[in-house]
Amino acid sequence: MSFNPFRFLFVFALLLTSTLGTTQNTNFGLYAGPSFTKLKLEARYALPIDVNIDPYDFKTGVTVGGYFTWNFANNVGLRAELNYDRKGGKSGLELSDGNGNPLPGYSIKDNFDYFQVPVMLQLSAGDDFKMHIHIGYAFSYLLHRTDKFPDQIRVVTPTQTIILLMPEDYKNIDHSIVAGIGASYKLAGGMQLQAALRAFNGKLNISKGDSAFEARNLAIGLLLGVGF
């Protein structure tokens, strides 16, 4: 059964509203937004040719989720989130068919759908309008992967042809350093409008199998939401 991010968001909202009350030192909310994601590949060993292989460009992803913040001191808090997060990358290589003919404009995408739990320190400044700094760690579990990338890269030089093995499989878990800035504006009744800009730097090699490369997730996201 495919994962539905909107059903996830609805269930999360029901759980929060049924178990949490708004107090002076806690708040929770919902958000969604686009992201720009990439798989960063690094060679595991010295390649037999002097070339930098980086087949992935940034592609558009998405983040949907909710958060809970506990403010344990004045303008200092701990923020935890539950997210549906789509990462991955798209091909930046010029691909060819089985006869070596170029396929211009042909794009290949690799999508990774994660259940993600960021836990961050939140530093704030302001009153009704606040600025925030977030820094922490994000833990992810792979729900589904759409594999559309070839399992080999064939590099042809004037003197030789090199076959580089791409990752055949990926680990189910990932973890990243996460940092960002945000802002919130308090409305009547205690509701807040929020915006945040986030960067995720994957620290775990998620590649499995006999691959020439290590693979790590990179992402930059814009989140827009409401708090209560």
Protein backbone atom coordinates (compact mmCIF):
# COMPACT_ATOMS: atom_id res chain seq x y z
CA MET A 1 0.00 0.00 0.00
CA SER A 2 1.42 3.38 -1.00
CA PHE A 3 2.17 6.02 1.62
CA ASN A 4 -0.22 8.99 1.61
CA PRO A 5 1.38 12.15 3.10
CA PHE A 6 -1.96 13.91 3.50
CA ARG A 7 -3.42 11.01 5.47
CA PHE A 8 -0.27 11.09 7.60
CA LEU A 9 -0.77 14.82 8.25
CA PHE A 10 -4.45 14.33 9.16
CA VAL A 11 -3.70 11.51 11.62
CA PHE A 12 -0.87 13.53 13.19
CA ALA A 13 -3.20 16.51 13.70
CA LEU A 14 -5.81 14.30 15.39
CA LEU A 15 -3.22 12.81 17.73
CA LEU A 16 -1.87 16.20 18.75
CA THR A 17 -5.22 17.87 19.32
CA SER A 18 -6.47 14.91 21.36
CA THR A 19 -3.42 14.57 23.62
CA LEU A 20 -1.92 18.06 23.98
CA GLY A 21 -3.26 21.29 25.34
CA THR A 22 -1.79 24.70 24.60
CA THR A 23 0.15 26.06 27.55
CA GLN A 24 2.54 28.92 27.97
CA ASN A 25 5.63 26.76 27.49
CA THR A 26 4.45 24.35 24.77
CA ASN A 27 3.06 24.69 21.28
CA PHE A 28 2.47 22.47 18.26
CA GLY A 29 1.59 22.91 14.63
CA LEU A 30 1.45 21.62 11.06
CA TYR A 31 3.42 22.59 7.97
CA ALA A 32 4.30 21.64 4.41
CA GLY A 33 6.61 22.91 1.69
CA PRO A 34 8.89 22.20 -1.23
CA SER A 35 12.52 21.11 -1.02
CA PHE A 36 15.50 20.82 -3.34
CA THR A 37 17.25 17.50 -2.84
CA LYS A 38 20.29 15.70 -4.23
CA LEU A 39 22.23 12.49 -3.80
CA LYS A 40 25.90 13.30 -3.29
CA LEU A 41 28.18 10.54 -4.58
CA GLU A 42 31.80 10.16 -3.49
CA ALA A 43 34.17 7.57 -4.93
CA ARG A 44 35.09 4.79 -2.49
CA TYR A 45 38.51 4.39 -4.08
CA ALA A 46 40.75 6.12 -6.61
CA LEU A 47 39.12 5.89 -10.03
CA PRO A 48 41.24 4.65 -12.94
CA ILE A 49 40.50 7.87 -14.84
CA ASP A 50 40.95 11.51 -13.88
CA VAL A 51 37.30 12.51 -13.94
CA ASN A 52 34.80 13.77 -11.39
CA ILE A 53 31.66 11.64 -11.57
CA ASP A 54 28.64 13.42 -10.10
CA PRO A 55 25.57 12.12 -11.93
CA TYR A 56 22.92 13.78 -9.79
CA ASP A 57 21.48 17.30 -9.97
CA PHE A 58 19.05 18.86 -7.50
CA LYS A 59 15.40 17.95 -7.99
CA THR A 60 12.17 19.09 -6.34
CA GLY A 61 10.97 17.15 -3.29
CA VAL A 62 8.37 17.79 -0.60
CA THR A 63 8.04 17.78 3.19
CA VAL A 64 4.74 17.39 5.07
CA GLY A 65 4.52 17.08 8.83
CA GLY A 66 3.93 18.46 12.27
CA TYR A 67 5.94 19.61 15.27
CA PHE A 68 5.85 19.95 19.04
CA THR A 69 7.99 22.53 20.88
CA TRP A 70 8.77 22.58 24.58
CA ASN A 71 10.16 25.95 25.70
CA PHE A 72 12.17 25.11 28.80
CA ALA A 73 13.70 28.61 29.19
CA ASN A 74 13.05 32.12 27.95
CA ASN A 75 13.44 31.97 24.14
CA VAL A 76 15.11 28.54 24.34
CA GLY A 77 13.26 25.37 23.45
CA LEU A 78 13.40 21.84 22.10
CA ARG A 79 11.53 21.16 18.86
CA ALA A 80 10.64 17.67 17.66
CA GLU A 81 8.97 16.90 14.33
CA LEU A 82 7.32 13.98 12.52
CA ASN A 83 7.67 14.31 8.75
CA TYR A 84 6.96 12.63 5.47
CA ASP A 85 9.98 13.65 3.42
CA ARG A 86 10.81 12.96 -0.24
CA LYS A 87 14.49 13.13 -1.13
CA GLY A 88 16.64 11.90 -4.02
CA GLY A 89 18.06 13.41 -7.19
CA LYS A 90 17.78 13.52 -10.94
CA SER A 91 20.31 12.63 -13.58
CA GLY A 92 22.70 15.24 -14.88
CA LEU A 93 24.33 12.82 -17.33
CA GLU A 94 23.89 12.65 -21.07
CA LEU A 95 22.33 9.23 -21.56
CA SER A 96 22.48 7.02 -24.64
CA ASP A 97 20.56 4.06 -26.00
CA GLY A 98 21.97 0.56 -26.48
CA ASN A 99 23.68 1.64 -29.71
CA GLY A 100 25.45 4.60 -28.12
CA ASN A 101 23.12 7.22 -29.61
CA PRO A 102 22.53 10.24 -27.31
CA LEU A 103 19.09 10.68 -25.75
CA PRO A 104 18.85 14.48 -25.38
CA GLY A 105 16.44 15.78 -22.77
CA TYR A 106 15.94 12.34 -21.22
CA SER A 107 15.84 12.74 -17.44
CA ILE A 108 16.10 10.01 -14.80
CA LYS A 109 14.92 10.58 -11.23
CA ASP A 110 15.63 8.65 -8.06
CA ASN A 111 13.02 9.24 -5.33
CA PHE A 112 13.41 8.26 -1.67
CA ASP A 113 10.35 8.58 0.59
CA TYR A 114 11.32 8.81 4.27
CA PHE A 115 9.57 8.94 7.63
CA GLN A 116 11.73 11.56 9.31
CA VAL A 117 12.10 12.67 12.94
CA PRO A 118 14.18 15.86 13.40
CA VAL A 119 15.05 16.87 16.98
CA MET A 120 16.40 20.41 17.24
CA LEU A 121 17.40 23.09 19.70
CA GLN A 122 15.36 26.25 19.03
CA LEU A 123 16.73 29.70 19.88
CA SER A 124 14.26 32.60 19.52
CA ALA A 125 14.21 36.38 19.71
CA GLY A 126 11.22 38.71 19.69
CA ASP A 127 7.68 38.87 21.04
CA ASP A 128 4.66 38.68 18.73
CA PHE A 129 7.04 38.49 15.77
CA LYS A 130 9.88 36.07 16.49
CA MET A 131 12.98 34.93 14.68
CA HIS A 132 14.19 31.37 15.25
CA ILE A 133 17.40 29.41 14.80
CA HIS A 134 17.19 25.62 14.61
CA ILE A 135 20.06 23.17 14.90
CA GLY A 136 19.99 19.45 15.60
CA TYR A 137 19.81 15.99 14.10
CA ALA A 138 17.27 14.24 11.88
CA PHE A 139 16.67 10.49 11.89
CA SER A 140 14.97 8.90 8.86
CA TYR A 141 13.48 5.54 7.89
CA LEU A 142 13.04 4.65 4.23
CA LEU A 143 9.40 3.91 3.36
CA HIS A 144 9.69 3.54 -0.41
CA ARG A 145 12.19 4.05 -3.21
CA THR A 146 11.53 4.64 -6.89
CA ASP A 147 14.61 3.36 -8.71
CA LYS A 148 15.01 4.72 -12.22
CA PHE A 149 18.79 5.11 -12.42
CA PRO A 150 20.98 2.65 -14.38
CA ASP A 151 23.13 0.26 -12.38
CA GLN A 152 26.27 1.21 -14.32
CA ILE A 153 27.98 4.30 -15.72
CA ARG A 154 30.01 3.65 -18.88
CA VAL A 155 32.85 6.13 -19.36
CA VAL A 156 34.56 6.06 -22.77
CA THR A 157 37.96 7.71 -23.27
CA PRO A 158 40.23 7.66 -26.35
CA THR A 159 42.23 4.81 -24.83
CA GLN A 160 39.84 2.80 -22.69
CA THR A 161 36.28 2.15 -21.54
CA ILE A 162 35.58 2.18 -17.80
CA ILE A 163 32.48 0.59 -16.21
CA LEU A 164 31.58 2.15 -12.84
CA LEU A 165 29.06 0.27 -10.70
CA MET A 166 26.29 2.42 -9.24
CA PRO A 167 24.64 1.61 -5.88
CA GLU A 168 22.25 -1.31 -6.37
CA ASP A 169 20.48 -0.97 -3.04
CA TYR A 170 20.19 1.52 -0.19
CA LYS A 171 20.00 1.32 3.58
CA ASN A 172 16.64 1.71 5.28
CA ILE A 173 17.94 4.26 7.78
CA ASP A 174 19.60 7.65 7.40
CA HIS A 175 20.60 10.48 9.69
CA SER A 176 21.48 14.09 8.96
CA ILE A 177 22.68 17.27 10.60
CA VAL A 178 19.90 19.82 10.25
CA ALA A 179 20.16 23.60 10.61
CA GLY A 180 17.99 26.51 9.62
CA ILE A 181 16.31 29.80 10.35
CA GLY A 182 12.65 30.67 10.71
CA ALA A 183 10.11 33.26 11.75
CA SER A 184 6.69 33.22 13.41
CA TYR A 185 3.96 35.81 13.83
CA LYS A 186 1.41 35.53 16.63
CA LEU A 187 -2.23 36.08 15.70
CA ALA A 188 -5.29 36.56 17.89
CA GLY A 189 -6.24 33.49 19.91
CA GLY A 190 -2.67 32.26 20.17
CA MET A 191 -2.36 30.97 16.60
CA GLN A 192 0.93 31.53 14.81
CA LEU A 193 1.94 31.81 11.18
CA GLN A 194 5.33 30.22 10.60
CA ALA A 195 8.00 29.96 7.92
CA ALA A 196 11.34 28.16 8.04
CA LEU A 197 14.29 27.53 5.75
CA ARG A 198 16.13 24.25 6.43
CA ALA A 199 19.27 22.48 5.27
CA PHE A 200 19.91 18.75 5.73
CA ASN A 201 23.41 17.29 5.36
CA GLY A 202 23.36 13.50 5.32
CA LYS A 203 26.11 11.93 7.48
CA LEU A 204 25.44 8.25 6.71
CA ASN A 205 26.54 6.42 3.59
CA ILE A 206 23.21 4.96 2.49
CA SER A 207 24.67 2.90 -0.38
CA LYS A 208 24.72 -0.90 -0.15
CA GLY A 209 26.31 -3.48 -2.38
CA ASP A 210 29.46 -3.52 -4.49
CA SER A 211 29.34 0.10 -5.64
CA ALA A 212 32.12 2.43 -6.69
CA PHE A 213 30.46 5.24 -4.73
CA GLU A 214 29.23 6.26 -1.31
CA ALA A 215 25.90 8.10 -1.39
CA ARG A 216 24.57 10.76 0.99
CA ASN A 217 21.40 12.83 1.02
CA LEU A 218 21.49 16.62 0.74
CA ALA A 219 18.38 18.83 0.94
CA ILE A 220 17.25 22.44 1.35
CA GLY A 221 13.59 22.98 2.25
CA LEU A 222 11.09 25.79 2.72
CA LEU A 223 8.34 25.07 5.27
CA LEU A 224 5.15 27.10 5.71
CA GLY A 225 2.65 26.32 8.44
CA VAL A 226 0.54 27.26 11.43
CA GLY A 227 1.16 26.84 15.15
CA PHE A 228 -1.21 26.59 18.12
